[in-house]
Amino acid sequence: MKTLIMVMTLCFLAIFGYAGNRISGKCPGCSEQSEEERDAFKQKIRSHKIAFFTEKLALTPAEAEKFWPIYNAYFDSRDELMNNFLVETRCKDCGCPKTKMHDCKFDISKLSDAEVTKLVNDRTKLMDLEKNFHNDLCKLFSPRRVLTFYNAEREFQRELIKQRHKGKEQGTKPNGKKNNSKGHAPEPKLEK
C-alpha cells in the first residue's frame, strides 16, 4: 500500500509539473501558444499515450475496449482537479501559476484558512480518484499487469520530460519557433 501511495504521489507530481507548464499567464515567461495549438498538442500527447500504453500493456482489442473508457474518465477527472488546483494557486500579481519558476513564490502563509482547506480537500479528492482508478484496474487486470501499467505510466512521464529537456536544449517551441522566454522550457516534441 505504501508503494501504491508513493507511485500515485510521483504520478501526481509529474502531472502537476506537466499541467503547470501548460497554462499560460501574464508573466513574460509563460507560454505564448494559442488555445488551438495547446489543444492540438494535448491531442498529440493523448494519441502517443494510447499507442504507448497499448504496446506496453499488450492490450487485446477486447481489453482496450474496457481499459480506455476507464482510463480516460480517470484522466479527465484528474486533469480537471489539477487545473482547478492550478487556478487556486495562481499568483495574484501576475496571473501565472505560482508553481512556475520565477519571482512569484507559492507562499502558504499568505493563504486564508478557507483557501488552505480547499486545497487540502482537493488533494483528498485526487487521492480518492486515484484509489478508485486503482480498484478499477485491479478488476480489469492481474496484479502483474497493474504494476506494468504503473511502470508504463512512469516511463511515459520520463519520456515526456526527456523530450521537454531536448526541446529546451534546442531552444524551440512545439511549433518550431525559437524559444525566447526566460526560465520556462518549451512544450516537449514527441518523437516516435
Protein backbone atom coordinates (compact mmCIF):
# COMPACT_ATOMS: atom_id res chain seq x y z
CA MET A 1 0.00 0.00 0.00
CA LYS A 2 2.88 2.38 0.76
CA THR A 3 4.31 1.64 -2.67
CA LEU A 4 0.96 2.45 -4.27
CA ILE A 5 0.75 5.76 -2.41
CA MET A 6 4.33 6.59 -3.41
CA VAL A 7 3.64 5.75 -7.07
CA MET A 8 0.44 7.82 -7.01
CA THR A 9 2.29 10.73 -5.41
CA LEU A 10 5.02 10.57 -8.05
CA CYS A 11 2.37 10.49 -10.78
CA PHE A 12 0.64 13.45 -9.13
CA LEU A 13 3.87 15.42 -9.06
CA ALA A 14 4.71 14.52 -12.65
CA ILE A 15 1.27 15.51 -13.90
CA PHE A 16 1.30 18.60 -11.69
CA GLY A 17 4.60 19.67 -13.26
CA TYR A 18 3.27 18.98 -16.76
CA ALA A 19 -0.06 20.71 -16.15
CA GLY A 20 1.65 23.69 -14.57
CA ASN A 21 3.58 24.33 -17.75
CA ARG A 22 0.53 24.11 -20.00
CA ILE A 23 -1.30 27.06 -18.53
CA SER A 24 -0.31 30.46 -19.78
CA GLY A 25 -0.34 33.53 -17.60
CA LYS A 26 0.59 37.17 -17.86
CA CYS A 27 4.25 36.93 -16.92
CA PRO A 28 6.80 37.18 -19.75
CA GLY A 29 7.97 33.59 -19.31
CA CYS A 30 4.59 31.93 -19.79
CA SER A 31 3.61 30.10 -22.94
CA GLU A 32 2.59 32.17 -25.94
CA GLN A 33 0.76 29.31 -27.67
CA SER A 34 -2.84 29.79 -28.73
CA GLU A 35 -5.54 27.62 -27.25
CA GLU A 36 -5.80 25.74 -30.56
CA GLU A 37 -2.07 24.96 -30.50
CA ARG A 38 -2.32 23.71 -26.92
CA ASP A 39 -5.35 21.56 -27.79
CA ALA A 40 -3.56 20.11 -30.82
CA PHE A 41 -0.50 19.37 -28.71
CA LYS A 42 -2.66 17.82 -25.99
CA GLN A 43 -4.28 15.59 -28.61
CA LYS A 44 -0.85 14.61 -29.93
CA ILE A 45 0.21 13.55 -26.43
CA ARG A 46 -3.04 11.62 -25.95
CA SER A 47 -2.54 9.75 -29.24
CA HIS A 48 1.05 8.96 -28.31
CA LYS A 49 -0.11 7.78 -24.88
CA ILE A 50 -2.68 5.42 -26.42
CA ALA A 51 -0.05 3.82 -28.65
CA PHE A 52 2.48 3.70 -25.80
CA PHE A 53 0.17 2.06 -23.23
CA THR A 54 -1.40 -0.30 -25.76
CA GLU A 55 2.07 -1.57 -26.65
CA LYS A 56 3.46 -1.70 -23.08
CA LEU A 57 0.37 -3.45 -21.68
CA ALA A 58 -0.05 -5.64 -24.78
CA LEU A 59 -3.75 -4.81 -24.79
CA THR A 60 -6.01 -7.00 -26.86
CA PRO A 61 -8.85 -5.20 -28.66
CA ALA A 62 -11.31 -6.52 -26.05
CA GLU A 63 -9.11 -5.30 -23.17
CA ALA A 64 -8.56 -1.94 -24.85
CA GLU A 65 -12.32 -1.56 -25.22
CA LYS A 66 -12.67 -1.91 -21.43
CA PHE A 67 -9.47 -0.13 -20.37
CA TRP A 68 -9.60 3.14 -22.34
CA PRO A 69 -13.02 4.36 -21.14
CA ILE A 70 -11.94 3.75 -17.52
CA TYR A 71 -8.56 5.42 -18.06
CA ASN A 72 -10.00 8.37 -19.99
CA ALA A 73 -12.65 9.04 -17.33
CA TYR A 74 -9.95 8.89 -14.65
CA PHE A 75 -7.50 11.06 -16.57
CA ASP A 76 -10.15 13.68 -17.45
CA SER A 77 -11.28 13.89 -13.80
CA ARG A 78 -7.67 14.11 -12.64
CA ASP A 79 -6.92 16.77 -15.24
CA GLU A 80 -9.92 18.80 -14.08
CA LEU A 81 -8.83 18.55 -10.43
CA MET A 82 -5.28 19.56 -11.36
CA ASN A 83 -6.48 22.54 -13.40
CA ASN A 84 -8.71 23.63 -10.51
CA PHE A 85 -5.71 23.36 -8.19
CA LEU A 86 -3.62 25.48 -10.55
CA VAL A 87 -6.33 28.13 -10.71
CA GLU A 88 -6.42 28.22 -6.90
CA THR A 89 -2.65 28.65 -6.71
CA ARG A 90 -2.30 31.38 -9.33
CA CYS A 91 -0.20 34.36 -8.46
CA LYS A 92 -2.48 37.28 -7.77
CA ASP A 93 0.15 39.75 -9.04
CA CYS A 94 0.95 38.37 -12.49
CA GLY A 95 -1.75 35.72 -13.02
CA CYS A 96 0.61 32.82 -13.75
CA PRO A 97 0.62 29.61 -11.72
CA LYS A 98 2.57 30.00 -8.50
CA THR A 99 4.30 26.74 -9.31
CA LYS A 100 6.19 28.33 -12.23
CA MET A 101 9.84 29.03 -11.64
CA HIS A 102 10.09 32.80 -11.50
CA ASP A 103 9.99 35.54 -8.87
CA CYS A 104 6.50 34.68 -7.62
CA LYS A 105 6.60 32.00 -4.95
CA PHE A 106 3.70 29.93 -3.65
CA ASP A 107 3.56 31.23 -0.09
CA ILE A 108 1.24 29.11 2.04
CA SER A 109 1.39 31.67 4.87
CA LYS A 110 -0.44 34.18 2.66
CA LEU A 111 -3.40 31.84 2.06
CA SER A 112 -6.56 32.14 4.11
CA ASP A 113 -7.71 29.17 6.19
CA ALA A 114 -10.54 28.61 3.68
CA GLU A 115 -8.08 28.50 0.77
CA VAL A 116 -5.82 26.05 2.59
CA THR A 117 -8.81 23.85 3.47
CA LYS A 118 -9.97 23.84 -0.15
CA LEU A 119 -6.51 22.86 -1.40
CA VAL A 120 -6.28 20.04 1.14
CA ASN A 121 -9.79 18.85 0.21
CA ASP A 122 -8.87 18.92 -3.48
CA ARG A 123 -5.81 16.80 -2.72
CA THR A 124 -8.05 14.35 -0.84
CA LYS A 125 -10.39 14.18 -3.85
CA LEU A 126 -7.42 13.42 -6.07
CA MET A 127 -6.27 10.62 -3.76
CA ASP A 128 -9.81 9.15 -3.72
CA LEU A 129 -9.92 9.32 -7.50
CA GLU A 130 -6.57 7.52 -7.75
CA LYS A 131 -7.73 4.83 -5.29
CA ASN A 132 -10.93 4.24 -7.27
CA PHE A 133 -8.97 4.03 -10.51
CA HIS A 134 -6.57 1.54 -8.93
CA ASN A 135 -9.52 -0.60 -7.80
CA ASP A 136 -10.94 -0.49 -11.34
CA LEU A 137 -7.56 -1.56 -12.74
CA CYS A 138 -7.41 -4.46 -10.29
CA LYS A 139 -10.81 -5.66 -11.53
CA LEU A 140 -9.64 -5.46 -15.13
CA PHE A 141 -6.04 -6.76 -14.92
CA SER A 142 -3.91 -9.16 -12.91
CA PRO A 143 -1.68 -7.59 -10.23
CA ARG A 144 1.33 -8.03 -12.55
CA ARG A 145 -0.37 -6.06 -15.33
CA VAL A 146 -1.50 -3.36 -12.88
CA LEU A 147 2.13 -2.94 -11.86
CA THR A 148 3.09 -2.97 -15.55
CA PHE A 149 0.63 -0.12 -16.09
CA TYR A 150 2.17 1.96 -13.29
CA ASN A 151 5.65 1.33 -14.67
CA ALA A 152 4.48 2.29 -18.16
CA GLU A 153 2.93 5.47 -16.76
CA ARG A 154 6.23 6.42 -15.11
CA GLU A 155 8.13 5.56 -18.28
CA PHE A 156 5.75 7.72 -20.34
CA GLN A 157 6.25 10.65 -17.95
CA ARG A 158 10.03 10.22 -18.16
CA GLU A 159 9.78 10.23 -21.95
CA LEU A 160 7.81 13.49 -21.85
CA ILE A 161 10.37 15.03 -19.52
CA LYS A 162 13.25 13.85 -21.70
CA GLN A 163 11.57 15.34 -24.78
CA ARG A 164 10.97 18.57 -22.88
CA HIS A 165 14.66 18.82 -21.94
CA LYS A 166 15.64 18.02 -25.51
CA GLY A 167 13.39 20.88 -26.70
CA LYS A 168 14.84 23.20 -24.06
CA GLU A 169 18.37 22.45 -25.23
CA GLN A 170 17.36 23.13 -28.82
CA GLY A 171 15.58 26.31 -27.74
CA THR A 172 12.43 25.70 -29.80
CA LYS A 173 8.72 25.61 -29.14
CA PRO A 174 6.45 22.80 -30.41
CA ASN A 175 5.55 24.88 -33.46
CA GLY A 176 9.24 25.09 -34.39
CA LYS A 177 9.65 28.76 -33.45
CA LYS A 178 12.60 29.92 -31.40
CA ASN A 179 12.00 29.98 -27.62
CA ASN A 180 12.81 33.48 -26.34
CA SER A 181 11.28 33.07 -22.89
CA LYS A 182 13.44 33.13 -19.79
CA GLY A 183 13.18 30.39 -17.21
CA HIS A 184 10.49 28.29 -18.89
CA ALA A 185 11.06 25.25 -21.03
CA PRO A 186 9.09 24.79 -24.24
CA GLU A 187 6.48 22.07 -24.57
CA PRO A 188 8.07 18.72 -25.42
CA LYS A 189 8.18 17.46 -29.00
CA LEU A 190 7.01 13.90 -29.12
CA GLU A 191 9.06 11.60 -31.24
CA LYS A 192 8.16 8.06 -32.07
